Protein backbone atom coordinates (compact mmCIF):
# COMPACT_ATOMS: atom_id res chain seq x y z
CA MET A 1 54.91 75.49 53.81
CA LEU A 2 51.60 76.54 55.52
CA ASP A 3 52.51 74.75 58.72
CA PHE A 4 54.14 77.56 60.66
CA PRO A 5 53.01 77.14 63.99
CA ARG A 6 51.80 80.06 66.15
CA TRP A 7 54.44 79.22 68.95
CA LYS A 8 57.17 79.73 66.10
CA VAL A 9 55.63 82.93 64.87
CA TRP A 10 55.80 84.29 68.30
CA GLY A 11 59.34 82.97 68.99
CA VAL A 12 60.61 84.72 65.58
CA SER A 13 58.61 87.83 66.46
CA LEU A 14 60.31 87.79 70.11
CA LEU A 15 63.69 87.62 68.70
CA CYS A 16 63.34 90.44 66.26
CA LEU A 17 61.73 92.55 69.02
CA ILE A 18 64.77 91.80 71.25
CA GLY A 19 67.17 92.71 68.53
CA ILE A 20 65.19 96.01 67.68
CA LEU A 21 65.19 96.96 71.48
CA LEU A 22 69.01 96.30 71.82
CA ALA A 23 69.58 98.41 68.67
CA VAL A 24 67.31 101.59 69.77
CA PRO A 25 70.07 103.17 72.09
CA SER A 26 72.66 103.11 69.08
CA MET A 27 70.18 105.37 67.00
CA LEU A 28 69.76 107.89 69.82
CA PRO A 29 72.05 110.62 71.39
CA GLU A 30 73.61 109.64 74.59
CA SER A 31 71.49 112.43 76.35
CA ALA A 32 68.20 110.48 75.41
CA VAL A 33 69.77 107.13 76.31
CA ALA A 34 70.64 108.44 79.74
CA LYS A 35 66.95 109.08 80.61
CA PHE A 36 65.98 105.43 79.98
CA PRO A 37 64.56 103.52 82.78
CA GLY A 38 66.81 100.87 84.28
CA PHE A 39 65.04 97.87 83.03
CA LEU A 40 65.48 99.04 79.32
CA PRO A 41 68.76 98.25 77.47
CA SER A 42 71.20 101.29 77.20
CA ALA A 43 74.32 99.78 75.63
CA GLN A 44 75.42 101.68 72.45
CA VAL A 45 77.69 100.54 69.72
CA ASN A 46 81.20 101.31 70.72
CA LEU A 47 83.34 103.03 68.27
CA GLY A 48 86.98 102.06 67.66
CA LEU A 49 90.01 104.29 67.50
CA ASP A 50 89.51 105.14 63.92
CA LEU A 51 86.29 106.53 64.37
CA ALA A 52 86.08 107.85 67.96
CA GLY A 53 89.45 109.21 67.84
CA GLY A 54 92.11 108.28 70.48
CA SER A 55 95.53 107.57 71.26
CA HIS A 56 97.92 105.06 69.67
CA LEU A 57 101.37 103.77 71.39
CA LEU A 58 103.78 101.25 70.46
CA LEU A 59 105.73 100.20 73.65
CA GLU A 60 108.99 98.25 73.42
CA ALA A 61 110.44 96.02 76.04
CA ASP A 62 113.98 96.57 77.39
CA THR A 63 115.32 93.08 77.17
CA SER A 64 118.32 93.80 79.42
CA ASP A 65 115.97 94.53 82.29
CA VAL A 66 114.65 90.95 81.87
CA ALA A 67 118.20 89.50 82.21
CA LYS A 68 118.96 91.88 85.42
CA GLN A 69 115.92 90.56 86.94
CA ARG A 70 116.61 86.90 86.44
CA LEU A 71 120.10 87.66 87.85
CA ASP A 72 118.53 89.22 91.14
CA VAL A 73 115.97 86.27 91.48
CA MET A 74 118.66 83.61 91.12
CA ASP A 75 121.03 85.46 93.42
CA GLU A 76 118.30 85.31 96.15
CA SER A 77 117.37 81.75 95.43
CA ILE A 78 120.92 80.70 95.75
CA ARG A 79 121.65 82.42 99.20
CA THR A 80 118.30 81.06 100.54
CA GLU A 81 118.98 77.32 99.39
CA MET A 82 122.67 77.53 100.78
CA ARG A 83 121.33 78.61 104.09
CA ARG A 84 118.69 76.04 104.32
CA ALA A 85 121.34 73.15 103.46
CA GLU A 86 121.99 70.62 106.14
CA PRO A 87 124.57 71.52 107.21
CA ARG A 88 124.69 75.04 106.01
CA ILE A 89 126.94 75.90 103.11
CA GLU A 90 128.92 78.90 103.74
CA ILE A 91 129.62 80.86 100.60
CA GLY A 92 131.28 84.17 99.83
CA ASP A 93 129.66 87.40 98.16
CA ILE A 94 127.79 86.65 94.88
CA SER A 95 129.06 88.62 91.95
CA THR A 96 127.04 89.64 89.04
CA THR A 97 129.44 91.07 86.53
CA GLY A 98 129.50 89.96 83.12
CA GLY A 99 125.67 89.08 83.18
CA ARG A 100 126.34 85.88 85.30
CA LEU A 101 126.57 84.87 88.71
CA SER A 102 129.76 83.63 90.42
CA PHE A 103 130.57 82.74 94.02
CA MET A 104 133.09 80.83 96.14
CA VAL A 105 132.19 77.71 98.53
CA ARG A 106 134.25 78.31 101.60
CA ASP A 107 134.57 74.74 102.23
CA PRO A 108 135.78 72.87 99.09
CA ALA A 109 134.34 69.69 100.27
CA ARG A 110 130.97 70.94 99.98
CA VAL A 111 131.29 72.06 96.27
CA ASP A 112 129.46 69.21 94.84
CA ALA A 113 126.57 69.58 97.28
CA ALA A 114 126.39 73.21 96.42
CA VAL A 115 126.29 72.47 92.55
CA GLU A 116 123.63 69.87 93.03
CA ILE A 117 121.57 72.63 94.88
CA VAL A 118 122.05 75.25 92.32
CA ARG A 119 121.29 72.98 89.35
CA ALA A 120 118.06 72.03 91.18
CA LEU A 121 117.17 75.65 90.79
CA THR A 122 117.44 75.56 86.93
CA GLN A 123 114.51 74.85 84.71
CA PRO A 124 113.90 73.43 81.20
CA ALA A 125 113.55 76.53 78.57
CA GLY A 126 110.39 75.54 77.09
CA LEU A 127 110.59 72.82 74.43
CA THR A 128 114.31 73.59 73.23
CA GLY A 129 115.65 71.07 75.49
CA GLN A 130 117.95 73.25 77.17
CA ARG A 131 118.13 74.63 80.69
CA ASP A 132 117.65 78.24 81.63
CA TRP A 133 120.99 78.27 83.16
CA THR A 134 124.40 76.36 83.04
CA VAL A 135 126.27 75.75 86.28
CA ASN A 136 130.10 75.06 86.00
CA VAL A 137 132.91 74.80 88.36
CA MET A 138 135.87 76.95 88.10
CA ASP A 139 139.28 77.31 90.30
CA GLN A 140 138.15 74.03 92.27
CA ASN A 141 135.64 76.07 94.69
CA ARG A 142 134.11 78.95 92.54
CA ILE A 143 130.67 78.18 91.03
CA VAL A 144 129.77 80.08 88.02
CA VAL A 145 125.99 80.36 87.00
CA THR A 146 125.35 81.67 83.34
CA PRO A 147 122.07 82.26 81.64
CA THR A 148 121.34 80.56 78.33
CA SER A 149 119.96 82.23 75.33
CA ALA A 150 116.98 79.78 75.30
CA GLY A 151 116.32 80.68 78.92
CA ILE A 152 116.39 84.50 78.41
CA ALA A 153 114.08 84.12 75.39
CA ASN A 154 111.65 81.86 77.28
CA ALA A 155 111.55 84.59 80.22
CA LEU A 156 111.25 87.49 77.91
CA ASP A 157 108.15 85.51 76.23
CA SER A 158 106.56 85.11 79.88
CA ALA A 159 107.45 88.61 80.85
CA MET A 160 105.84 89.98 77.56
CA ALA A 161 102.59 87.82 78.54
CA THR A 162 102.42 89.37 81.77
CA ALA A 163 103.17 92.86 80.67
CA ARG A 164 100.25 92.65 78.44
CA GLU A 165 97.88 91.87 81.11
CA VAL A 166 99.33 94.41 83.31
CA VAL A 167 99.06 97.22 80.65
CA TYR A 168 95.62 96.36 79.94
CA ASN A 169 94.47 96.50 83.76
CA ARG A 170 96.26 99.97 83.85
CA VAL A 171 94.75 101.39 80.89
CA ASP A 172 91.17 99.97 81.43
CA PRO A 173 90.81 98.90 84.95
CA GLU A 174 87.15 98.68 84.58
CA GLY A 175 87.02 97.14 81.21
CA THR A 176 84.85 99.78 79.66
CA ARG A 177 86.94 101.51 77.22
CA GLU A 178 87.14 99.09 74.39
CA THR A 179 90.96 99.27 74.57
CA THR A 180 93.13 97.32 72.36
CA VAL A 181 96.10 95.64 73.94
CA ILE A 182 98.00 93.26 71.82
CA ARG A 183 101.47 91.95 71.39
CA GLN A 184 103.41 92.66 68.20
CA GLY A 185 106.45 90.53 67.50
CA GLY A 186 108.52 89.29 70.41
CA ASP A 187 109.07 92.34 72.52
CA ARG A 188 106.59 94.98 71.61
CA ILE A 189 102.78 95.84 72.71
CA LEU A 190 100.28 97.84 70.69
CA VAL A 191 98.02 99.93 72.88
CA GLN A 192 94.91 101.84 71.28
CA VAL A 193 92.66 103.76 73.52
CA PRO A 194 89.49 105.27 71.95
CA GLY A 195 88.42 108.64 73.06
CA LEU A 196 91.81 109.68 74.77
CA GLU A 197 93.17 112.26 72.35
CA ASP A 198 96.02 113.30 74.71
CA PRO A 199 98.63 110.36 75.03
CA GLU A 200 100.95 112.08 77.62
CA GLY A 201 98.75 110.60 80.65
CA LEU A 202 98.78 107.32 79.03
CA LYS A 203 102.42 107.44 78.66
CA GLN A 204 103.03 108.53 82.16
CA LEU A 205 100.86 105.58 83.22
CA LEU A 206 102.60 102.93 81.31
CA GLY A 207 105.94 104.55 81.73
CA LYS A 208 106.55 103.24 85.27
CA THR A 209 107.08 99.54 85.92
CA ALA A 210 105.52 100.06 89.58
CA ARG A 211 108.24 97.73 90.90
CA LEU A 212 107.93 98.14 94.73
CA ASP A 213 110.56 97.12 97.23
CA PHE A 214 111.09 97.45 101.00
CA LYS A 215 114.91 97.06 101.66
CA LEU A 216 116.97 97.89 104.73
CA VAL A 217 119.30 100.93 104.64
CA ASP A 218 122.97 99.71 104.89
CA LEU A 219 124.40 101.65 108.03
CA ASN A 220 127.92 100.40 107.46
CA ALA A 221 128.32 102.06 103.88
CA ASP A 222 131.02 104.74 103.51
CA PRO A 223 129.07 108.01 102.77
CA ALA A 224 131.73 109.23 100.52
CA GLN A 225 131.68 106.05 98.67
CA VAL A 226 127.99 106.18 98.40
CA GLN A 227 128.00 109.68 96.92
CA GLN A 228 130.33 108.32 94.21
CA GLY A 229 127.88 105.51 93.48
CA ARG A 230 129.93 102.68 94.93
CA ALA A 231 128.55 100.12 97.59
CA SER A 232 130.04 97.21 99.44
CA PRO A 233 129.39 93.76 98.28
CA GLY A 234 125.77 92.82 99.21
CA SER A 235 124.57 96.40 99.01
CA GLN A 236 123.44 98.74 96.16
CA VAL A 237 123.67 102.52 95.69
CA LEU A 238 119.91 104.02 94.72
CA PRO A 239 119.10 107.55 93.93
CA MET A 240 116.57 109.35 96.45
CA ARG A 241 113.65 111.27 95.09
CA ASP A 242 114.81 114.25 96.93
CA GLY A 243 118.16 114.26 95.70
CA GLY A 244 121.33 112.33 96.66
CA ASN A 245 122.14 108.74 97.08
CA ILE A 246 121.47 106.14 99.58
CA ALA A 247 122.95 102.71 100.23
CA VAL A 248 120.46 99.72 100.69
CA ILE A 249 120.86 95.99 101.18
CA ARG A 250 120.32 94.38 97.98
CA ARG A 251 118.04 91.74 99.19
CA ALA A 252 114.36 92.92 99.78
CA MET A 253 112.52 92.72 103.00
CA VAL A 254 109.05 92.46 101.17
CA THR A 255 108.09 93.09 97.48
CA GLY A 256 105.22 94.56 95.69
CA ASP A 257 104.32 91.04 94.56
CA GLN A 258 103.05 90.30 97.89
CA LEU A 259 100.40 93.29 97.79
CA ILE A 260 96.84 92.59 97.61
CA ASP A 261 95.52 96.10 97.68
CA ALA A 262 96.47 99.76 97.13
CA GLN A 263 94.48 102.75 97.80
CA GLN A 264 94.89 106.60 97.64
CA SER A 265 94.30 107.99 101.01
CA PHE A 266 95.47 110.72 103.47
CA ASP A 267 97.94 110.83 106.27
CA PRO A 268 95.79 111.37 109.50
CA GLN A 269 98.54 113.49 110.80
CA THR A 270 99.69 115.73 108.08
CA ASN A 271 96.61 115.31 105.93
CA GLU A 272 98.89 114.92 102.89
CA PRO A 273 97.98 112.32 100.20
CA VAL A 274 99.75 109.01 100.47
CA VAL A 275 99.19 105.54 99.39
CA SER A 276 97.77 102.77 101.78
CA ILE A 277 99.00 99.45 100.94
CA ARG A 278 98.01 95.92 102.53
CA PHE A 279 100.08 92.87 101.98
CA ASP A 280 98.82 89.27 101.61
CA ASN A 281 99.37 86.68 104.58
CA GLN A 282 103.00 85.78 103.63
CA GLY A 283 104.02 89.25 102.98
CA ALA A 284 102.57 90.49 106.18
CA LYS A 285 104.34 87.73 108.35
CA ARG A 286 107.77 88.44 106.64
CA PHE A 287 107.34 92.23 107.13
CA ALA A 288 106.36 91.79 110.77
CA ARG A 289 109.23 89.55 111.27
CA VAL A 290 111.76 91.92 109.49
CA THR A 291 110.52 94.99 111.38
CA GLN A 292 110.71 93.07 114.57
CA GLU A 293 114.51 92.11 114.20
CA ASN A 294 115.45 95.62 113.04
CA VAL A 295 113.62 98.10 115.43
CA ASN A 296 115.34 101.60 115.36
CA LYS A 297 116.94 100.92 111.90
CA PRO A 298 115.85 102.78 108.68
CA PHE A 299 114.39 101.07 105.69
CA ALA A 300 113.85 102.25 102.21
CA ILE A 301 110.51 102.35 100.32
CA ILE A 302 111.67 101.94 96.68
CA LEU A 303 109.60 102.60 93.63
CA ASP A 304 111.33 101.64 90.21
CA ASP A 305 114.75 101.73 91.81
CA VAL A 306 114.06 105.27 93.31
CA VAL A 307 114.00 105.70 97.08
CA LEU A 308 110.72 107.53 97.83
CA SER A 309 111.43 107.67 101.59
CA ALA A 310 113.63 106.04 104.33
CA PRO A 311 111.68 106.11 107.63
CA ASN A 312 113.09 104.71 110.83
CA ILE A 313 111.30 101.51 112.11
CA ASN A 314 110.13 102.71 115.58
CA GLU A 315 108.53 99.50 116.49
CA PRO A 316 107.37 96.20 114.96
CA ILE A 317 104.74 96.61 111.99
CA LEU A 318 102.35 93.69 112.59
CA GLY A 319 99.17 94.53 110.87
CA GLY A 320 100.27 93.68 107.35
CA GLN A 321 99.61 97.18 106.31
CA ALA A 322 101.87 100.22 105.56
CA GLN A 323 101.73 103.65 104.05
CA ILE A 324 103.77 105.22 101.39
CA SER A 325 104.38 108.96 101.28
CA GLY A 326 106.58 111.11 99.02
CA ASN A 327 105.28 114.43 98.33
CA PHE A 328 102.38 113.18 96.23
CA THR A 329 99.37 115.09 94.77
CA VAL A 330 96.03 113.34 94.88
CA GLU A 331 96.31 112.54 91.31
CA SER A 332 99.98 111.13 91.57
CA ALA A 333 99.04 109.08 94.56
CA ASN A 334 95.76 107.54 92.73
CA GLU A 335 97.98 106.92 89.68
CA LEU A 336 100.47 105.02 91.88
CA ALA A 337 97.61 103.08 93.51
CA ILE A 338 96.49 101.95 90.21
CA GLN A 339 99.85 100.82 88.99
CA LEU A 340 100.34 98.89 92.18
CA ARG A 341 97.03 97.36 92.21
CA SER A 342 97.37 96.28 88.48
CA GLY A 343 100.70 94.66 89.23
CA LYS A 344 104.21 95.57 88.40
CA LEU A 345 105.40 95.37 84.95
CA PRO A 346 108.04 92.50 84.72
CA VAL A 347 109.84 94.42 82.17
CA GLU A 348 110.68 98.26 81.49
CA LEU A 349 108.43 99.42 78.39
CA LYS A 350 109.50 102.22 76.28
CA VAL A 351 107.33 104.28 73.80
CA VAL A 352 108.91 103.86 70.30
CA GLU A 353 105.69 105.10 68.55
CA GLU A 354 102.77 107.45 69.48
CA ARG A 355 99.93 109.12 67.42
CA SER A 356 96.66 110.74 68.18
CA VAL A 357 93.74 110.36 65.89
CA GLY A 358 91.22 113.40 66.21
CA PRO A 359 87.41 112.51 66.40
CA ASP A 360 86.99 114.87 63.25
CA LEU A 361 88.31 112.14 61.08
CA GLY A 362 86.14 109.54 62.61
CA LYS A 363 83.16 111.60 62.26
CA GLU A 364 83.73 112.02 58.50
CA SER A 365 84.26 108.28 58.12
CA ILE A 366 80.92 107.58 59.99
CA ARG A 367 79.31 110.18 57.71
CA ARG A 368 80.67 108.63 54.74
CA GLY A 369 79.85 105.10 55.81
CA ILE A 370 76.14 105.99 56.52
CA ILE A 371 75.86 107.62 53.06
CA ALA A 372 77.09 104.43 51.43
CA GLY A 373 74.99 102.18 53.54
CA ILE A 374 71.72 104.26 52.74
CA ILE A 375 72.71 104.23 49.00
CA GLY A 376 73.22 100.68 48.92
CA THR A 377 70.26 99.82 50.90
CA VAL A 378 67.94 101.96 48.93
CA LEU A 379 69.27 100.42 45.60
CA ILE A 380 68.88 96.94 46.76
CA LEU A 381 65.26 97.58 48.14
CA ALA A 382 64.33 98.96 44.87
CA PHE A 383 65.81 96.30 42.95
CA MET A 384 64.26 93.46 45.11
CA MET A 385 60.72 95.10 44.91
CA LEU A 386 60.77 95.66 41.11
CA THR A 387 62.20 92.07 40.58
CA TYR A 388 60.15 89.95 42.82
CA GLY A 389 57.09 92.24 43.74
CA ARG A 390 55.40 90.96 47.11
CA PHE A 391 58.22 88.55 47.85
CA GLY A 392 60.62 91.38 47.15
CA VAL A 393 58.92 93.63 49.73
CA TYR A 394 59.20 90.58 52.26
CA ALA A 395 62.98 90.43 51.45
CA ASP A 396 63.17 94.15 52.07
CA ILE A 397 61.72 93.83 55.32
CA ALA A 398 63.90 91.29 56.33
CA LEU A 399 66.95 93.22 55.13
CA ILE A 400 65.94 96.15 57.25
CA LEU A 401 65.37 93.93 60.18
CA ASN A 402 68.96 92.34 59.44
CA VAL A 403 70.66 95.89 59.69
CA ILE A 404 68.81 96.72 62.98
CA VAL A 405 69.48 93.22 64.57
CA ILE A 406 73.18 93.56 63.52
CA LEU A 407 73.29 96.83 65.51
CA GLY A 408 71.56 95.34 68.44
CA ILE A 409 74.00 92.38 68.80
CA MET A 410 77.14 94.61 68.32
CA ALA A 411 75.89 97.01 71.16
CA PRO A 412 76.59 95.04 74.37
CA PHE A 413 79.89 93.64 73.23
CA ALA A 414 81.44 94.53 69.95
CA THR A 415 83.32 97.69 68.75
CA LEU A 416 82.76 99.31 65.27
CA THR A 417 85.71 100.41 63.41
CA LEU A 418 86.20 101.80 59.81
CA PRO A 419 86.73 98.21 58.38
CA GLY A 420 83.73 97.20 60.30
CA ILE A 421 81.64 99.82 58.52
CA ALA A 422 82.92 98.22 55.22
CA GLY A 423 81.85 94.92 56.53
CA PHE A 424 78.49 96.32 57.62
CA VAL A 425 77.85 97.70 54.09
CA LEU A 426 79.24 94.39 52.40
CA THR A 427 76.70 92.48 54.57
CA ILE A 428 73.66 94.61 53.32
CA GLY A 429 74.68 93.45 49.83
CA ALA A 430 75.18 89.97 50.74
CA ALA A 431 72.19 89.69 53.08
CA VAL A 432 69.70 89.57 49.88
CA ASP A 433 71.63 86.73 48.14
CA ALA A 434 69.50 84.09 49.95
CA ASN A 435 66.29 85.80 48.99
CA VAL A 436 67.48 85.82 45.31
CA ILE A 437 68.29 82.21 45.68
CA ILE A 438 65.05 81.23 47.18
CA ASN A 439 62.88 83.28 44.77
CA GLU A 440 64.73 82.03 41.74
CA ARG A 441 64.29 78.62 42.92
CA ILE A 442 60.39 79.01 43.46
CA ARG A 443 60.11 80.49 39.98
CA GLU A 444 61.95 77.60 38.66
CA GLU A 445 59.67 75.17 40.43
CA GLN A 446 56.65 76.87 38.83
CA ARG A 447 58.02 76.67 35.35
CA ARG A 448 58.05 72.93 36.11
CA GLY A 449 54.57 73.04 36.68
CA ARG A 450 54.14 72.94 40.56
CA LYS A 451 51.39 74.80 42.12
CA ILE A 452 52.36 77.75 44.00
CA VAL A 453 52.23 76.21 47.58
CA ASP A 454 54.42 73.30 46.37
CA ALA A 455 56.66 75.69 44.46
CA ILE A 456 57.38 77.80 47.59
CA GLU A 457 57.83 74.52 49.71
CA HIS A 458 60.27 73.15 47.47
CA GLY A 459 61.93 76.68 46.73
CA TYR A 460 62.86 77.08 50.45
CA ASN A 461 63.91 73.52 51.10
CA GLU A 462 66.05 73.13 48.04
CA ALA A 463 67.70 76.59 48.40
CA ARG A 464 68.25 76.10 52.17
CA THR A 465 71.15 73.55 51.55
CA ALA A 466 73.03 76.15 49.05
CA ILE A 467 72.43 79.12 51.57
CA PHE A 468 73.87 77.38 54.51
CA ASP A 469 76.78 75.94 52.67
CA ALA A 470 77.77 79.18 51.22
CA ASN A 471 77.51 81.05 54.66
CA ILE A 472 79.39 78.24 56.49
CA THR A 473 82.22 78.92 54.33
CA ASN A 474 82.10 82.53 54.86
CA VAL A 475 81.81 82.13 58.61
CA ILE A 476 85.16 79.89 58.44
CA ALA A 477 86.83 82.65 56.55
CA GLY A 478 85.58 85.34 59.30
CA MET A 479 86.85 82.84 62.02
CA LEU A 480 90.28 82.79 60.25
CA LEU A 481 90.60 86.45 59.71
CA TYR A 482 89.66 87.00 63.51
CA TYR A 483 92.12 84.49 64.79
CA PHE A 484 95.08 85.53 62.62
CA GLY A 485 94.32 89.19 62.32
CA SER A 486 94.62 92.12 64.49
CA GLY A 487 92.76 95.42 65.08
CA PRO A 488 91.01 96.48 62.07
CA VAL A 489 90.92 93.15 60.40
CA LYS A 490 89.15 91.71 63.60
CA GLY A 491 86.67 94.53 63.55
CA PHE A 492 85.94 93.52 59.87
CA ALA A 493 85.61 89.81 60.61
CA VAL A 494 83.37 90.27 63.67
CA VAL A 495 80.83 92.48 61.80
CA MET A 496 81.08 90.08 58.82
CA MET A 497 80.08 86.86 61.05
CA ILE A 498 77.40 88.84 62.88
CA GLY A 499 75.90 89.82 59.52
CA ILE A 500 76.21 86.33 58.09
CA ALA A 501 74.07 84.88 61.35
CA THR A 502 71.65 87.63 61.18
CA SER A 503 71.09 87.50 57.39
CA VAL A 504 70.51 83.76 57.43
CA PHE A 505 67.81 84.21 60.01
CA THR A 506 66.02 87.01 58.52
CA ALA A 507 66.22 85.94 54.96
CA VAL A 508 65.22 82.35 55.42
CA THR A 509 63.19 82.25 58.70
CA VAL A 510 61.48 85.74 58.89
CA THR A 511 60.62 85.61 55.12
CA ARG A 512 59.36 82.22 55.33
CA MET A 513 57.04 83.28 58.27
CA PHE A 514 55.83 86.19 56.17
CA VAL A 515 54.88 84.05 53.12
CA SER A 516 53.35 81.37 55.26
CA LEU A 517 51.00 84.09 56.86
CA TRP A 518 50.12 85.67 53.70
CA LEU A 519 49.32 82.25 51.91
CA ARG A 520 46.96 81.21 54.76
CA LYS A 521 44.75 84.49 53.75
CA ARG A 522 45.56 83.90 50.02
CA PRO A 523 45.55 80.34 49.07
CA THR A 524 44.46 80.64 45.63
CA VAL A 525 47.49 82.85 44.38
CA LEU A 526 48.70 81.42 41.12
CA ARG A 527 52.21 83.00 40.43
CA ILE A 528 54.77 85.27 42.56
């Protein structure tokens, strides 16, 4: 028991000091922390939505949008593969009515080859054993491609996983807001942003899919038909931002998927806010090729199926860079740049629930939590001191250290929520369990006639197994809560697991160090 080497004393003291230094910023106002020199830690405990206030949005995906996009992608793939076939397979216009694709093969002798090409474009739908599309031949030379329910479900799951990442990148591009973005069910995403009390800006940021397309204008379209919303096969009618309709070729020249950067800037000629974009290598080559082939023809810049502008291609655009204009303000141009950088939403999301939490409720929760923590701590400190004397004082010091170290560990990466405060207060009560077990075990050894040093040695050694076993089961429970829980439940689990780890350290190692140092000076003490 007395063998507590100096290096271990310094090591334990250093760990406690680091925990205290990490916790200090959380105990001071932000104005004081801002004055800290750069080498000192300055991270404060982040407060969750229920404590700091903020916005809560529940988004629901438009599942029909996923089906429409799959039709468009398959349409483009079929056209491309038929052109690449040797010899080329001539097909008629592809119809998308009824939620399926159908087209005629002009040469009946090439129908089987066309079917094989289309079937090669289908994929297994997860582990269902089905394909994502069925391919059938009707009327001898008409091929019908129909999406399966398993394929749609698999596509929706993939789209929602991507949408969650895109939403997170839009809401918290710097990763500093402690934002909660989680999936709920098969087609919903929950978004919680602490500190943001007005959800309108958040709704505007998330309300756009930011699907960017560059398409050629259909110069052969009948203007009267276009104004009525009708287009020839292979084209589509889209609304213009400034009013009216325009017909564009359905197949895109380049899409926003091939962007690598988007920044708000100013037009050097008009000084109006614009968005400057840059394509990747593949997108730049394709954009250059299409503009070379269509000089003196207009093309449409389309965002979320709305034509922002339709400038003329005066000369080939070879640099892989372009500029989007559309009567932007600086704020709206910057917002669009963020949306384009974070990627397009693979599915349209609609707000089905929104609410905001004011900071007053959070302040009251914090005040009550602090009061509960102080009362619980004072009662435990008094009980331990009265029951175990000097060893109770050591347990009290370890308890205070435990509270401070928990704050220090939480500051850099964890968020404190209202359930987290509950877990914090619970940890305070549970932190002294180990000391109670150790002290009672020491007393039991003394009643058996052991000397004080032997009693302490056996007390710590025998109690350690029970302490570790009990806390391991609690950690397992905390891990399960964190894995299967969400939001508040995760906050409770995080604080509980941190508290368990720190309480074992302070209650067993720190108090043992105190007792060892005391016994070196007072080896003749008889009882505790």
